[in-house]
Amino acid sequence: KITHVNYTSPLVAMHFTDVKKNYLVPIQCSLNGKG
């Protein structure tokens, strides 16, 4: 933060377009990649 003052963290948006209604749905979103 001292030298990378304007750094803006990249984001991934997740658009839940079809999830069961009137119900508690536990969701796990994970990163995938080497390391």
Full PDB file with SEQRES, HELIX, SHEET, SSBOND, CRYST1, ORIGX, SCALE, CONECT and MASTER records, all heavy atoms in Angstrom:
SEQRES   1 A   35  LYS ILE THR HIS VAL ASN TYR THR SER PRO LEU VAL ALA          
SEQRES   2 A   35  MET HIS PHE THR ASP VAL LYS LYS ASN TYR LEU VAL PRO          
SEQRES   3 A   35  ILE GLN CYS SER LEU ASN GLY LYS GLY                          
CRYST1    1.000    1.000    1.000  90.00  90.00  90.00 P 1           1          
ORIGX1      1.000000  0.000000  0.000000        0.00000                         
ORIGX2      0.000000  1.000000  0.000000        0.00000                         
ORIGX3      0.000000  0.000000  1.000000        0.00000                         
SCALE1      1.000000  0.000000  0.000000        0.00000                         
SCALE2      0.000000  1.000000  0.000000        0.00000                         
SCALE3      0.000000  0.000000  1.000000        0.00000                         
ATOM      1  N   LYS A   1       0.806  -1.227   0.000  1.00  0.00           N  
ATOM      2  CA  LYS A   1       0.000   0.000   0.000  1.00  0.00           C  
ATOM      3  C   LYS A   1       0.837   1.274   0.000  1.00  0.00           C  
ATOM      4  O   LYS A   1       0.345   2.335  -0.391  1.00  0.00           O  
ATOM      5  CB  LYS A   1      -0.957   0.011   1.187  1.00  0.00           C  
ATOM      6  CG  LYS A   1      -0.287   0.037   2.546  1.00  0.00           C  
ATOM      7  CD  LYS A   1      -1.335   0.033   3.655  1.00  0.00           C  
ATOM      8  CE  LYS A   1      -0.700   0.086   5.038  1.00  0.00           C  
ATOM      9  NZ  LYS A   1      -1.730   0.079   6.103  1.00  0.00           N  
ATOM     10  N   ILE A   2       2.107   1.203   0.419  1.00  0.00           N  
ATOM     11  CA  ILE A   2       2.930   2.413   0.464  1.00  0.00           C  
ATOM     12  C   ILE A   2       3.325   2.859  -0.938  1.00  0.00           C  
ATOM     13  O   ILE A   2       3.270   4.046  -1.269  1.00  0.00           O  
ATOM     14  CB  ILE A   2       4.180   2.194   1.335  1.00  0.00           C  
ATOM     15  CG1 ILE A   2       3.770   1.970   2.789  1.00  0.00           C  
ATOM     16  CG2 ILE A   2       5.115   3.411   1.247  1.00  0.00           C  
ATOM     17  CD1 ILE A   2       4.936   1.707   3.725  1.00  0.00           C  
ATOM     18  N   THR A   3       3.720   1.921  -1.787  1.00  0.00           N  
ATOM     19  CA  THR A   3       4.172   2.279  -3.139  1.00  0.00           C  
ATOM     20  C   THR A   3       3.111   2.023  -4.209  1.00  0.00           C  
ATOM     21  O   THR A   3       3.098   2.685  -5.234  1.00  0.00           O  
ATOM     22  CB  THR A   3       5.448   1.497  -3.515  1.00  0.00           C  
ATOM     23  OG1 THR A   3       5.196   0.092  -3.380  1.00  0.00           O  
ATOM     24  CG2 THR A   3       6.600   1.897  -2.613  1.00  0.00           C  
ATOM     25  N   HIS A   4       2.215   1.058  -3.975  1.00  0.00           N  
ATOM     26  CA  HIS A   4       1.169   0.742  -4.962  1.00  0.00           C  
ATOM     27  C   HIS A   4      -0.112   1.469  -4.544  1.00  0.00           C  
ATOM     28  O   HIS A   4      -1.155   0.861  -4.300  1.00  0.00           O  
ATOM     29  CB  HIS A   4       0.949  -0.767  -5.006  1.00  0.00           C  
ATOM     30  CG  HIS A   4       0.846  -1.310  -6.384  1.00  0.00           C  
ATOM     31  ND1 HIS A   4       1.093  -2.630  -6.699  1.00  0.00           N  
ATOM     32  CD2 HIS A   4       0.527  -0.725  -7.564  1.00  0.00           C  
ATOM     33  CE1 HIS A   4       0.925  -2.830  -7.991  1.00  0.00           C  
ATOM     34  NE2 HIS A   4       0.574  -1.688  -8.527  1.00  0.00           N  
ATOM     35  N   VAL A   5      -0.019   2.795  -4.489  1.00  0.00           N  
ATOM     36  CA  VAL A   5      -1.056   3.595  -3.828  1.00  0.00           C  
ATOM     37  C   VAL A   5      -2.414   3.541  -4.514  1.00  0.00           C  
ATOM     38  O   VAL A   5      -3.446   3.616  -3.858  1.00  0.00           O  
ATOM     39  CB  VAL A   5      -0.597   5.059  -3.695  1.00  0.00           C  
ATOM     40  CG1 VAL A   5       0.550   5.160  -2.706  1.00  0.00           C  
ATOM     41  CG2 VAL A   5      -0.155   5.641  -5.043  1.00  0.00           C  
ATOM     42  N   ASN A   6      -2.449   3.425  -5.828  1.00  0.00           N  
ATOM     43  CA  ASN A   6      -3.729   3.421  -6.543  1.00  0.00           C  
ATOM     44  C   ASN A   6      -4.182   2.020  -6.931  1.00  0.00           C  
ATOM     45  O   ASN A   6      -5.109   1.859  -7.733  1.00  0.00           O  
ATOM     46  CB  ASN A   6      -3.638   4.289  -7.802  1.00  0.00           C  
ATOM     47  CG  ASN A   6      -3.532   5.765  -7.466  1.00  0.00           C  
ATOM     48  OD1 ASN A   6      -4.125   6.236  -6.494  1.00  0.00           O  
ATOM     49  ND2 ASN A   6      -2.764   6.509  -8.249  1.00  0.00           N  
ATOM     50  N   TYR A   7      -3.539   1.028  -6.376  1.00  0.00           N  
ATOM     51  CA  TYR A   7      -3.863  -0.354  -6.742  1.00  0.00           C  
ATOM     52  C   TYR A   7      -5.325  -0.666  -6.430  1.00  0.00           C  
ATOM     53  O   TYR A   7      -5.827  -0.363  -5.344  1.00  0.00           O  
ATOM     54  CB  TYR A   7      -2.967  -1.325  -5.981  1.00  0.00           C  
ATOM     55  CG  TYR A   7      -3.200  -2.780  -6.331  1.00  0.00           C  
ATOM     56  CD1 TYR A   7      -2.630  -3.339  -7.469  1.00  0.00           C  
ATOM     57  CD2 TYR A   7      -4.004  -3.583  -5.528  1.00  0.00           C  
ATOM     58  CE1 TYR A   7      -2.835  -4.666  -7.786  1.00  0.00           C  
ATOM     59  CE2 TYR A   7      -4.216  -4.918  -5.838  1.00  0.00           C  
ATOM     60  CZ  TYR A   7      -3.630  -5.456  -6.965  1.00  0.00           C  
ATOM     61  OH  TYR A   7      -3.841  -6.770  -7.292  1.00  0.00           O  
ATOM     62  N   THR A   8      -5.999  -1.249  -7.403  1.00  0.00           N  
ATOM     63  CA  THR A   8      -7.395  -1.641  -7.247  1.00  0.00           C  
ATOM     64  C   THR A   8      -7.492  -3.143  -7.442  1.00  0.00           C  
ATOM     65  O   THR A   8      -7.172  -3.650  -8.520  1.00  0.00           O  
ATOM     66  CB  THR A   8      -8.291  -0.928  -8.276  1.00  0.00           C  
ATOM     67  OG1 THR A   8      -8.009   0.478  -8.259  1.00  0.00           O  
ATOM     68  CG2 THR A   8      -9.755  -1.130  -7.951  1.00  0.00           C  
ATOM     69  N   SER A   9      -7.902  -3.856  -6.421  1.00  0.00           N  
ATOM     70  CA  SER A   9      -7.966  -5.314  -6.507  1.00  0.00           C  
ATOM     71  C   SER A   9      -8.925  -5.759  -7.604  1.00  0.00           C  
ATOM     72  O   SER A   9     -10.047  -5.253  -7.691  1.00  0.00           O  
ATOM     73  CB  SER A   9      -8.429  -5.901  -5.175  1.00  0.00           C  
ATOM     74  OG  SER A   9      -7.510  -5.643  -4.147  1.00  0.00           O  
ATOM     75  N   PRO A  10      -8.509  -6.705  -8.442  1.00  0.00           N  
ATOM     76  CA  PRO A  10      -9.426  -7.232  -9.452  1.00  0.00           C  
ATOM     77  C   PRO A  10     -10.560  -8.006  -8.793  1.00  0.00           C  
ATOM     78  O   PRO A  10     -10.422  -8.498  -7.659  1.00  0.00           O  
ATOM     79  CB  PRO A  10      -8.532  -8.166 -10.286  1.00  0.00           C  
ATOM     80  CG  PRO A  10      -7.457  -8.584  -9.337  1.00  0.00           C  
ATOM     81  CD  PRO A  10      -7.201  -7.387  -8.463  1.00  0.00           C  
ATOM     82  N   LEU A  11     -11.666  -8.093  -9.478  1.00  0.00           N  
ATOM     83  CA  LEU A  11     -12.851  -8.766  -8.952  1.00  0.00           C  
ATOM     84  C   LEU A  11     -13.359  -9.807  -9.943  1.00  0.00           C  
ATOM     85  O   LEU A  11     -13.104  -9.718 -11.147  1.00  0.00           O  
ATOM     86  CB  LEU A  11     -13.970  -7.750  -8.705  1.00  0.00           C  
ATOM     87  CG  LEU A  11     -13.658  -6.527  -7.853  1.00  0.00           C  
ATOM     88  CD1 LEU A  11     -14.810  -5.526  -7.935  1.00  0.00           C  
ATOM     89  CD2 LEU A  11     -13.381  -6.926  -6.406  1.00  0.00           C  
ATOM     90  N   VAL A  12     -14.082 -10.758  -9.423  1.00  0.00           N  
ATOM     91  CA  VAL A  12     -14.891 -11.649 -10.253  1.00  0.00           C  
ATOM     92  C   VAL A  12     -16.325 -11.529  -9.767  1.00  0.00           C  
ATOM     93  O   VAL A  12     -16.588 -11.679  -8.560  1.00  0.00           O  
ATOM     94  CB  VAL A  12     -14.409 -13.111 -10.186  1.00  0.00           C  
ATOM     95  CG1 VAL A  12     -15.468 -14.054 -10.760  1.00  0.00           C  
ATOM     96  CG2 VAL A  12     -13.102 -13.292 -10.954  1.00  0.00           C  
ATOM     97  N   ALA A  13     -17.223 -11.219 -10.686  1.00  0.00           N  
ATOM     98  CA  ALA A  13     -18.644 -11.112 -10.334  1.00  0.00           C  
ATOM     99  C   ALA A  13     -19.332 -12.438 -10.615  1.00  0.00           C  
ATOM    100  O   ALA A  13     -19.116 -13.057 -11.663  1.00  0.00           O  
ATOM    101  CB  ALA A  13     -19.307  -9.996 -11.129  1.00  0.00           C  
ATOM    102  N   MET A  14     -20.166 -12.853  -9.674  1.00  0.00           N  
ATOM    103  CA  MET A  14     -20.930 -14.090  -9.816  1.00  0.00           C  
ATOM    104  C   MET A  14     -22.409 -13.709  -9.858  1.00  0.00           C  
ATOM    105  O   MET A  14     -22.933 -13.132  -8.901  1.00  0.00           O  
ATOM    106  CB  MET A  14     -20.625 -15.024  -8.649  1.00  0.00           C  
ATOM    107  CG  MET A  14     -19.121 -15.278  -8.482  1.00  0.00           C  
ATOM    108  SD  MET A  14     -18.658 -16.106  -6.939  1.00  0.00           S  
ATOM    109  CE  MET A  14     -19.157 -14.901  -5.708  1.00  0.00           C  
ATOM    110  N   HIS A  15     -23.027 -14.000 -10.967  1.00  0.00           N  
ATOM    111  CA  HIS A  15     -24.425 -13.612 -11.185  1.00  0.00           C  
ATOM    112  C   HIS A  15     -25.294 -14.860 -11.059  1.00  0.00           C  
ATOM    113  O   HIS A  15     -25.302 -15.725 -11.961  1.00  0.00           O  
ATOM    114  CB  HIS A  15     -24.578 -12.991 -12.574  1.00  0.00           C  
ATOM    115  CG  HIS A  15     -25.882 -12.294 -12.774  1.00  0.00           C  
ATOM    116  ND1 HIS A  15     -26.316 -11.844 -13.991  1.00  0.00           N  
ATOM    117  CD2 HIS A  15     -26.878 -11.964 -11.890  1.00  0.00           C  
ATOM    118  CE1 HIS A  15     -27.488 -11.266 -13.866  1.00  0.00           C  
ATOM    119  NE2 HIS A  15     -27.856 -11.334 -12.601  1.00  0.00           N  
ATOM    120  N   PHE A  16     -26.000 -14.960  -9.955  1.00  0.00           N  
ATOM    121  CA  PHE A  16     -26.806 -16.148  -9.687  1.00  0.00           C  
ATOM    122  C   PHE A  16     -28.170 -15.992 -10.365  1.00  0.00           C  
ATOM    123  O   PHE A  16     -29.136 -15.528  -9.762  1.00  0.00           O  
ATOM    124  CB  PHE A  16     -26.931 -16.348  -8.177  1.00  0.00           C  
ATOM    125  CG  PHE A  16     -25.620 -16.672  -7.519  1.00  0.00           C  
ATOM    126  CD1 PHE A  16     -24.805 -15.654  -7.027  1.00  0.00           C  
ATOM    127  CD2 PHE A  16     -25.172 -17.981  -7.438  1.00  0.00           C  
ATOM    128  CE1 PHE A  16     -23.582 -15.943  -6.448  1.00  0.00           C  
ATOM    129  CE2 PHE A  16     -23.946 -18.283  -6.863  1.00  0.00           C  
ATOM    130  CZ  PHE A  16     -23.146 -17.263  -6.367  1.00  0.00           C  
ATOM    131  N   THR A  17     -28.210 -16.392 -11.611  1.00  0.00           N  
ATOM    132  CA  THR A  17     -29.382 -16.159 -12.453  1.00  0.00           C  
ATOM    133  C   THR A  17     -30.505 -17.170 -12.244  1.00  0.00           C  
ATOM    134  O   THR A  17     -31.638 -16.920 -12.643  1.00  0.00           O  
ATOM    135  CB  THR A  17     -28.982 -16.163 -13.935  1.00  0.00           C  
ATOM    136  OG1 THR A  17     -28.289 -17.384 -14.241  1.00  0.00           O  
ATOM    137  CG2 THR A  17     -28.061 -14.983 -14.248  1.00  0.00           C  
ATOM    138  N   ASP A  18     -30.189 -18.311 -11.639  1.00  0.00           N  
ATOM    139  CA  ASP A  18     -31.236 -19.318 -11.424  1.00  0.00           C  
ATOM    140  C   ASP A  18     -30.919 -20.125 -10.174  1.00  0.00           C  
ATOM    141  O   ASP A  18     -30.267 -21.165 -10.228  1.00  0.00           O  
ATOM    142  CB  ASP A  18     -31.330 -20.252 -12.640  1.00  0.00           C  
ATOM    143  CG  ASP A  18     -32.605 -21.097 -12.615  1.00  0.00           C  
ATOM    144  OD1 ASP A  18     -33.361 -21.020 -11.626  1.00  0.00           O  
ATOM    145  OD2 ASP A  18     -32.845 -21.842 -13.593  1.00  0.00           O  
ATOM    146  N   VAL A  19     -31.384 -19.606  -9.040  1.00  0.00           N  
ATOM    147  CA  VAL A  19     -31.201 -20.284  -7.763  1.00  0.00           C  
ATOM    148  C   VAL A  19     -32.584 -20.588  -7.189  1.00  0.00           C  
ATOM    149  O   VAL A  19     -33.542 -19.841  -7.406  1.00  0.00           O  
ATOM    150  CB  VAL A  19     -30.367 -19.404  -6.798  1.00  0.00           C  
ATOM    151  CG1 VAL A  19     -31.085 -18.095  -6.509  1.00  0.00           C  
ATOM    152  CG2 VAL A  19     -30.059 -20.150  -5.512  1.00  0.00           C  
ATOM    153  N   LYS A  20     -32.692 -21.698  -6.490  1.00  0.00           N  
ATOM    154  CA  LYS A  20     -33.983 -22.121  -5.940  1.00  0.00           C  
ATOM    155  C   LYS A  20     -34.551 -21.054  -5.023  1.00  0.00           C  
ATOM    156  O   LYS A  20     -33.876 -20.540  -4.139  1.00  0.00           O  
ATOM    157  CB  LYS A  20     -33.824 -23.437  -5.182  1.00  0.00           C  
ATOM    158  CG  LYS A  20     -35.144 -24.021  -4.701  1.00  0.00           C  
ATOM    159  CD  LYS A  20     -34.929 -25.393  -4.071  1.00  0.00           C  
ATOM    160  CE  LYS A  20     -36.250 -26.003  -3.614  1.00  0.00           C  
ATOM    161  NZ  LYS A  20     -36.044 -27.347  -2.999  1.00  0.00           N  
ATOM    162  N   LYS A  21     -35.803 -20.698  -5.254  1.00  0.00           N  
ATOM    163  CA  LYS A  21     -36.455 -19.632  -4.483  1.00  0.00           C  
ATOM    164  C   LYS A  21     -37.063 -20.168  -3.188  1.00  0.00           C  
ATOM    165  O   LYS A  21     -37.405 -21.348  -3.076  1.00  0.00           O  
ATOM    166  CB  LYS A  21     -37.547 -18.966  -5.338  1.00  0.00           C  
ATOM    167  CG  LYS A  21     -37.037 -18.363  -6.652  1.00  0.00           C  
ATOM    168  CD  LYS A  21     -36.083 -17.228  -6.408  1.00  0.00           C  
ATOM    169  CE  LYS A  21     -35.781 -16.463  -7.693  1.00  0.00           C  
ATOM    170  NZ  LYS A  21     -35.102 -17.300  -8.709  1.00  0.00           N  
ATOM    171  N   ASN A  22     -37.231 -19.253  -2.242  1.00  0.00           N  
ATOM    172  CA  ASN A  22     -37.844 -19.564  -0.952  1.00  0.00           C  
ATOM    173  C   ASN A  22     -37.160 -20.747  -0.258  1.00  0.00           C  
ATOM    174  O   ASN A  22     -37.813 -21.633   0.305  1.00  0.00           O  
ATOM    175  CB  ASN A  22     -39.344 -19.858  -1.119  1.00  0.00           C  
ATOM    176  CG  ASN A  22     -40.090 -18.657  -1.648  1.00  0.00           C  
ATOM    177  OD1 ASN A  22     -39.906 -17.541  -1.185  1.00  0.00           O  
ATOM    178  ND2 ASN A  22     -40.932 -18.898  -2.643  1.00  0.00           N  
ATOM    179  N   TYR A  23     -35.838 -20.717  -0.313  1.00  0.00           N  
ATOM    180  CA  TYR A  23     -35.086 -21.839   0.232  1.00  0.00           C  
ATOM    181  C   TYR A  23     -33.681 -21.368   0.595  1.00  0.00           C  
ATOM    182  O   TYR A  23     -33.102 -20.526  -0.095  1.00  0.00           O  
ATOM    183  CB  TYR A  23     -35.018 -22.965  -0.808  1.00  0.00           C  
ATOM    184  CG  TYR A  23     -34.533 -24.285  -0.284  1.00  0.00           C  
ATOM    185  CD1 TYR A  23     -35.353 -25.099   0.485  1.00  0.00           C  
ATOM    186  CD2 TYR A  23     -33.237 -24.725  -0.564  1.00  0.00           C  
ATOM    187  CE1 TYR A  23     -34.908 -26.323   0.965  1.00  0.00           C  
ATOM    188  CE2 TYR A  23     -32.778 -25.944  -0.094  1.00  0.00           C  
ATOM    189  CZ  TYR A  23     -33.625 -26.737   0.671  1.00  0.00           C  
ATOM    190  OH  TYR A  23     -33.185 -27.945   1.147  1.00  0.00           O  
ATOM    191  N   LEU A  24     -33.128 -21.902   1.683  1.00  0.00           N  
ATOM    192  CA  LEU A  24     -31.749 -21.585   2.052  1.00  0.00           C  
ATOM    193  C   LEU A  24     -30.793 -22.458   1.245  1.00  0.00           C  
ATOM    194  O   LEU A  24     -30.811 -23.684   1.388  1.00  0.00           O  
ATOM    195  CB  LEU A  24     -31.537 -21.821   3.557  1.00  0.00           C  
ATOM    196  CG  LEU A  24     -32.215 -20.849   4.518  1.00  0.00           C  
ATOM    197  CD1 LEU A  24     -32.082 -21.351   5.958  1.00  0.00           C  
ATOM    198  CD2 LEU A  24     -31.613 -19.463   4.388  1.00  0.00           C  
ATOM    199  N   VAL A  25     -30.000 -21.822   0.398  1.00  0.00           N  
ATOM    200  CA  VAL A  25     -29.084 -22.568  -0.463  1.00  0.00           C  
ATOM    201  C   VAL A  25     -27.637 -22.258  -0.046  1.00  0.00           C  
ATOM    202  O   VAL A  25     -27.141 -21.150  -0.260  1.00  0.00           O  
ATOM    203  CB  VAL A  25     -29.277 -22.195  -1.950  1.00  0.00           C  
ATOM    204  CG1 VAL A  25     -28.336 -23.015  -2.835  1.00  0.00           C  
ATOM    205  CG2 VAL A  25     -30.726 -22.397  -2.370  1.00  0.00           C  
ATOM    206  N   PRO A  26     -26.945 -23.229   0.567  1.00  0.00           N  
ATOM    207  CA  PRO A  26     -25.541 -23.021   0.934  1.00  0.00           C  
ATOM    208  C   PRO A  26     -24.645 -23.158  -0.292  1.00  0.00           C  
ATOM    209  O   PRO A  26     -24.715 -24.157  -1.010  1.00  0.00           O  
ATOM    210  CB  PRO A  26     -25.280 -24.133   1.957  1.00  0.00           C  
ATOM    211  CG  PRO A  26     -26.239 -25.218   1.579  1.00  0.00           C  
ATOM    212  CD  PRO A  26     -27.459 -24.539   1.000  1.00  0.00           C  
ATOM    213  N   ILE A  27     -23.826 -22.155  -0.530  1.00  0.00           N  
ATOM    214  CA  ILE A  27     -23.015 -22.108  -1.744  1.00  0.00           C  
ATOM    215  C   ILE A  27     -21.538 -21.982  -1.380  1.00  0.00           C  
ATOM    216  O   ILE A  27     -21.171 -21.255  -0.458  1.00  0.00           O  
ATOM    217  CB  ILE A  27     -23.445 -20.925  -2.632  1.00  0.00           C  
ATOM    218  CG1 ILE A  27     -24.881 -21.157  -3.127  1.00  0.00           C  
ATOM    219  CG2 ILE A  27     -22.495 -20.739  -3.817  1.00  0.00           C  
ATOM    220  CD1 ILE A  27     -25.472 -19.959  -3.839  1.00  0.00           C  
ATOM    221  N   GLN A  28     -20.729 -22.693  -2.117  1.00  0.00           N  
ATOM    222  CA  GLN A  28     -19.282 -22.578  -1.964  1.00  0.00           C  
ATOM    223  C   GLN A  28     -18.683 -22.123  -3.290  1.00  0.00           C  
ATOM    224  O   GLN A  28     -18.883 -22.758  -4.320  1.00  0.00           O  
ATOM    225  CB  GLN A  28     -18.658 -23.915  -1.563  1.00  0.00           C  
ATOM    226  CG  GLN A  28     -17.129 -23.885  -1.519  1.00  0.00           C  
ATOM    227  CD  GLN A  28     -16.532 -25.188  -1.025  1.00  0.00           C  
ATOM    228  OE1 GLN A  28     -16.759 -25.569   0.124  1.00  0.00           O  
ATOM    229  NE2 GLN A  28     -15.793 -25.874  -1.880  1.00  0.00           N  
ATOM    230  N   CYS A  29     -17.953 -21.000  -3.256  1.00  0.00           N  
ATOM    231  CA  CYS A  29     -17.255 -20.505  -4.435  1.00  0.00           C  
ATOM    232  C   CYS A  29     -15.757 -20.614  -4.172  1.00  0.00           C  
ATOM    233  O   CYS A  29     -15.269 -20.167  -3.122  1.00  0.00           O  
ATOM    234  CB  CYS A  29     -17.647 -19.061  -4.742  1.00  0.00           C  
ATOM    235  SG  CYS A  29     -19.389 -18.899  -5.259  1.00  0.00           S  
ATOM    236  N   SER A  30     -15.039 -21.205  -5.122  1.00  0.00           N  
ATOM    237  CA  SER A  30     -13.638 -21.536  -4.905  1.00  0.00           C  
ATOM    238  C   SER A  30     -12.736 -20.971  -5.989  1.00  0.00           C  
ATOM    239  O   SER A  30     -13.145 -20.802  -7.138  1.00  0.00           O  
ATOM    240  CB  SER A  30     -13.457 -23.066  -4.881  1.00  0.00           C  
ATOM    241  OG  SER A  30     -14.297 -23.672  -3.925  1.00  0.00           O  
ATOM    242  N   LEU A  31     -11.504 -20.677  -5.587  1.00  0.00           N  
ATOM    243  CA  LEU A  31     -10.451 -20.342  -6.539  1.00  0.00           C  
ATOM    244  C   LEU A  31      -9.850 -21.644  -7.058  1.00  0.00           C  
ATOM    245  O   LEU A  31      -9.726 -22.626  -6.318  1.00  0.00           O  
ATOM    246  CB  LEU A  31      -9.346 -19.529  -5.857  1.00  0.00           C  
ATOM    247  CG  LEU A  31      -9.729 -18.218  -5.180  1.00  0.00           C  
ATOM    248  CD1 LEU A  31      -8.477 -17.592  -4.546  1.00  0.00           C  
ATOM    249  CD2 LEU A  31     -10.355 -17.255  -6.167  1.00  0.00           C  
ATOM    250  N   ASN A  32      -9.463 -21.632  -8.326  1.00  0.00           N  
ATOM    251  CA  ASN A  32      -8.840 -22.806  -8.917  1.00  0.00           C  
ATOM    252  C   ASN A  32      -7.625 -22.381  -9.720  1.00  0.00           C  
ATOM    253  O   ASN A  32      -7.712 -21.487 -10.562  1.00  0.00           O  
ATOM    254  CB  ASN A  32      -9.830 -23.536  -9.842  1.00  0.00           C  
ATOM    255  CG  ASN A  32     -11.052 -24.023  -9.095  1.00  0.00           C  
ATOM    256  OD1 ASN A  32     -10.992 -24.982  -8.349  1.00  0.00           O  
ATOM    257  ND2 ASN A  32     -12.168 -23.333  -9.278  1.00  0.00           N  
ATOM    258  N   GLY A  33      -6.504 -23.007  -9.456  1.00  0.00           N  
ATOM    259  CA  GLY A  33      -5.281 -22.685 -10.175  1.00  0.00           C  
ATOM    260  C   GLY A  33      -4.083 -23.292  -9.481  1.00  0.00           C  
ATOM    261  O   GLY A  33      -4.169 -23.770  -8.337  1.00  0.00           O  
ATOM    262  N   LYS A  34      -2.964 -23.291 -10.145  1.00  0.00           N  
ATOM    263  CA  LYS A  34      -1.740 -23.863  -9.589  1.00  0.00           C  
ATOM    264  C   LYS A  34      -1.328 -23.096  -8.338  1.00  0.00           C  
ATOM    265  O   LYS A  34      -1.293 -21.875  -8.322  1.00  0.00           O  
ATOM    266  CB  LYS A  34      -0.619 -23.806 -10.627  1.00  0.00           C  
ATOM    267  CG  LYS A  34       0.626 -24.572 -10.215  1.00  0.00           C  
ATOM    268  CD  LYS A  34       1.637 -24.647 -11.336  1.00  0.00           C  
ATOM    269  CE  LYS A  34       2.852 -25.467 -10.914  1.00  0.00           C  
ATOM    270  NZ  LYS A  34       3.865 -25.570 -11.996  1.00  0.00           N  
ATOM    271  N   GLY A  35      -1.042 -23.841  -7.275  1.00  0.00           N  
ATOM    272  CA  GLY A  35      -0.629 -23.222  -6.025  1.00  0.00           C  
ATOM    273  C   GLY A  35      -1.766 -22.791  -5.132  1.00  0.00           C  
ATOM    274  O   GLY A  35      -1.534 -22.346  -4.005  1.00  0.00           O  
TER     275      GLY A  35                                                      
MASTER        0    0    0    0    0    0    0    6  274    1    0    3          
END                                                                             
